[in-house]
Protein backbone atom coordinates (compact mmCIF):
# COMPACT_ATOMS: atom_id res chain seq x y z
CA MET A 1 25.09 52.83 7.30
CA ARG A 2 24.85 49.43 5.71
CA PHE A 3 22.16 50.71 3.36
CA LEU A 4 24.67 53.10 1.86
CA SER A 5 27.05 50.28 1.02
CA VAL A 6 24.25 48.31 -0.61
CA THR A 7 23.21 51.23 -2.79
CA SER A 8 26.78 52.12 -3.72
CA ALA A 9 26.85 49.07 -5.98
CA PHE A 10 24.70 51.08 -8.37
CA SER A 11 27.26 53.87 -8.73
CA LEU A 12 28.49 54.98 -12.11
CA SER A 13 32.08 54.49 -13.14
CA PRO A 14 34.20 57.50 -12.06
CA HIS A 15 36.28 57.33 -15.25
CA CYS A 16 33.44 58.16 -17.65
CA PHE A 17 32.99 61.86 -16.92
CA PRO A 18 35.14 64.96 -16.60
CA LEU A 19 35.94 66.12 -13.06
CA ARG A 20 33.04 68.61 -12.75
CA VAL A 21 30.48 66.06 -13.91
CA GLN A 22 31.98 63.48 -11.58
CA ARG A 23 31.41 65.77 -8.59
CA ARG A 24 27.80 66.41 -9.61
CA THR A 25 27.23 62.71 -10.14
CA ALA A 26 28.73 61.92 -6.74
CA VAL A 27 26.49 64.51 -5.08
CA CYS A 28 23.42 63.13 -6.88
CA GLN A 29 24.30 59.59 -5.84
CA MET A 30 24.81 60.67 -2.26
CA ARG A 31 21.40 62.36 -2.29
CA ARG A 32 19.81 59.21 -3.73
CA GLN A 33 21.41 57.10 -1.01
CA VAL A 34 20.18 59.44 1.71
CA LYS A 35 16.69 59.42 0.17
CA ILE A 36 16.65 55.62 0.10
CA LEU A 37 17.83 55.51 3.70
CA LYS A 38 15.15 58.00 4.78
CA THR A 39 12.52 55.98 2.92
CA LEU A 40 13.49 52.61 4.41
CA ALA A 41 14.31 53.69 7.96
CA PRO A 42 10.79 54.37 9.35
CA PRO A 43 9.25 51.01 8.33
CA LEU A 44 12.30 49.10 9.57
CA ILE A 45 12.27 50.92 12.89
CA ALA A 46 8.53 50.24 13.24
CA VAL A 47 9.10 46.51 12.66
CA LEU A 48 11.91 46.42 15.21
CA ILE A 49 9.79 48.22 17.80
CA ALA A 50 6.85 45.90 17.17
CA LEU A 51 8.96 42.76 17.53
CA TYR A 52 11.09 43.94 20.46
CA PRO A 53 8.70 42.91 23.28
CA LEU A 54 8.44 39.41 21.83
CA ASN A 55 12.19 38.96 21.74
CA LYS A 56 12.62 39.99 25.38
CA THR A 57 11.13 36.66 26.48
CA PRO A 58 12.76 33.31 25.73
CA GLU A 59 9.56 32.24 24.03
CA GLY A 60 9.48 35.35 21.78
CA CYS A 61 9.91 33.67 18.43
CA TYR A 62 7.69 30.80 19.50
CA ALA A 63 4.92 33.28 20.37
CA LEU A 64 4.71 34.51 16.77
CA ALA A 65 4.26 30.99 15.40
CA GLN A 66 1.82 30.14 18.16
CA SER A 67 -0.37 33.17 17.45
CA ALA A 68 -0.65 32.14 13.79
CA GLU A 69 -1.64 28.64 14.90
CA ILE A 70 -4.25 30.09 17.27
CA GLU A 71 -5.72 32.15 14.42
CA ARG A 72 -5.93 29.01 12.32
CA GLY A 73 -7.62 27.20 15.22
CA GLY A 74 -10.11 30.05 15.50
CA ALA A 75 -10.92 29.79 11.80
CA LEU A 76 -11.44 26.03 12.09
CA PHE A 77 -13.62 26.56 15.17
CA SER A 78 -15.75 29.12 13.31
CA HIS A 79 -16.15 26.69 10.43
CA ALA A 80 -16.81 23.40 12.23
CA CYS A 81 -17.81 24.04 15.86
CA ILE A 82 -19.47 27.40 16.32
CA GLY A 83 -22.92 26.06 15.38
CA CYS A 84 -23.14 24.21 18.71
CA HIS A 85 -20.33 25.81 20.75
CA ASP A 86 -20.70 29.54 20.13
CA ALA A 87 -18.58 31.49 22.68
CA GLY A 88 -17.63 28.22 24.38
CA GLY A 89 -21.20 27.23 25.20
CA ASN A 90 -23.17 24.16 24.14
CA ILE A 91 -26.68 24.50 22.71
CA ILE A 92 -27.27 20.71 22.61
CA GLN A 93 -26.07 19.74 26.08
CA PRO A 94 -25.69 22.71 28.49
CA GLY A 95 -23.53 20.78 31.02
CA ALA A 96 -20.89 20.04 28.39
CA THR A 97 -19.63 23.51 27.55
CA LEU A 98 -16.07 24.33 26.59
CA PHE A 99 -15.41 26.32 29.77
CA SER A 100 -12.68 25.04 32.09
CA SER A 101 -15.08 24.03 34.87
CA ASP A 102 -17.16 21.80 32.56
CA LEU A 103 -14.09 20.40 30.81
CA GLU A 104 -12.61 19.40 34.20
CA ARG A 105 -15.89 17.92 35.42
CA ASN A 106 -16.22 15.88 32.21
CA ARG A 107 -12.54 14.81 32.37
CA ALA A 108 -11.68 16.58 29.14
CA ASP A 109 -9.39 19.33 30.39
CA SER A 110 -6.22 18.50 28.44
CA GLU A 111 -5.46 19.08 24.76
CA GLU A 112 -5.18 15.33 24.19
CA GLU A 113 -8.60 14.62 25.72
CA ILE A 114 -10.18 17.45 23.70
CA TYR A 115 -8.50 15.99 20.60
CA GLN A 116 -9.91 12.49 21.32
CA ILE A 117 -13.45 13.79 21.82
CA THR A 118 -13.27 15.95 18.70
CA TYR A 119 -11.84 13.11 16.61
CA TYR A 120 -14.10 10.23 17.79
CA GLY A 121 -17.03 12.04 19.39
CA LYS A 122 -18.59 11.48 22.81
CA GLY A 123 -22.20 11.39 23.95
CA ARG A 124 -24.24 13.67 21.70
CA MET A 125 -21.17 15.22 20.09
CA PRO A 126 -20.25 13.62 16.77
CA GLY A 127 -16.66 12.82 15.85
CA PHE A 128 -14.99 14.88 13.15
CA GLY A 129 -11.92 12.72 12.45
CA GLU A 130 -11.21 11.21 9.04
CA ASN A 131 -11.21 7.66 10.45
CA CYS A 132 -14.00 8.15 12.99
CA LYS A 133 -16.00 4.96 13.74
CA PRO A 134 -18.70 3.78 14.37
CA ARG A 135 -20.44 5.51 11.55
CA GLY A 136 -23.43 6.72 13.61
CA GLN A 137 -21.14 8.48 16.09
CA CYS A 138 -19.44 10.60 13.41
CA THR A 139 -20.47 13.77 11.68
CA PHE A 140 -22.24 13.56 8.35
CA GLY A 141 -20.56 16.79 7.32
CA PRO A 142 -16.99 17.24 6.10
CA ARG A 143 -14.31 15.53 8.16
CA LEU A 144 -11.22 17.22 9.56
CA GLN A 145 -7.65 16.03 9.16
CA GLU A 146 -5.71 14.90 12.23
CA GLU A 147 -3.47 17.98 12.23
CA GLU A 148 -6.52 20.28 11.98
CA ILE A 149 -8.10 18.61 15.00
CA ARG A 150 -4.84 19.05 16.97
CA VAL A 151 -4.83 22.78 16.15
CA LEU A 152 -8.51 22.97 17.08
CA ALA A 153 -7.91 21.18 20.41
CA LYS A 154 -5.10 23.61 21.23
CA PHE A 155 -7.35 26.57 20.39
CA VAL A 156 -10.19 25.24 22.58
CA LYS A 157 -7.81 24.63 25.52
CA ILE A 158 -6.34 28.15 25.26
CA GLN A 159 -9.80 29.73 25.01
CA ALA A 160 -11.07 27.66 27.96
CA ASP A 161 -8.12 28.84 30.05
CA ARG A 162 -8.91 32.45 29.06
CA GLY A 163 -12.60 32.04 29.85
CA TRP A 164 -13.63 32.48 26.20
CA LEU A 165 -13.23 36.25 26.42
CA ASN A 166 -11.71 36.67 22.94
CA PRO A 167 -12.93 33.80 20.74
């Protein structure tokens, strides 16, 4: 019903027309308001239905922001990491995959440890951080910003926990 009050602001002045015209104008305005309501109702209901399951949990609003961050992490992974770590594997060093078992065995099973390895490098993996040193340990390609590496580390940890089913 609130939509009707919003659209009523566009009504014509009742003092401008004779009584018969005023009735027709009122009927036309009422029809316009109903048409607007019918037009807006389905998309609004669809949005409410889509968001309802998220709001049932305490983390509902957080889940929306987190999914956007995961998508961004996936895009960064596809850009910077997929050449060696496609689907969580490792084409350079098979024992250092991004699966949970290998991350635990190599003591890199937390987001912070994944961040440190991605930033500074370790073993055959080059570092991707802006301030990565020594020079020979770092990538010769474009460097990533600290915040990008944090998002990437979070993405890798989530994918490792999922078993890399949906990279």
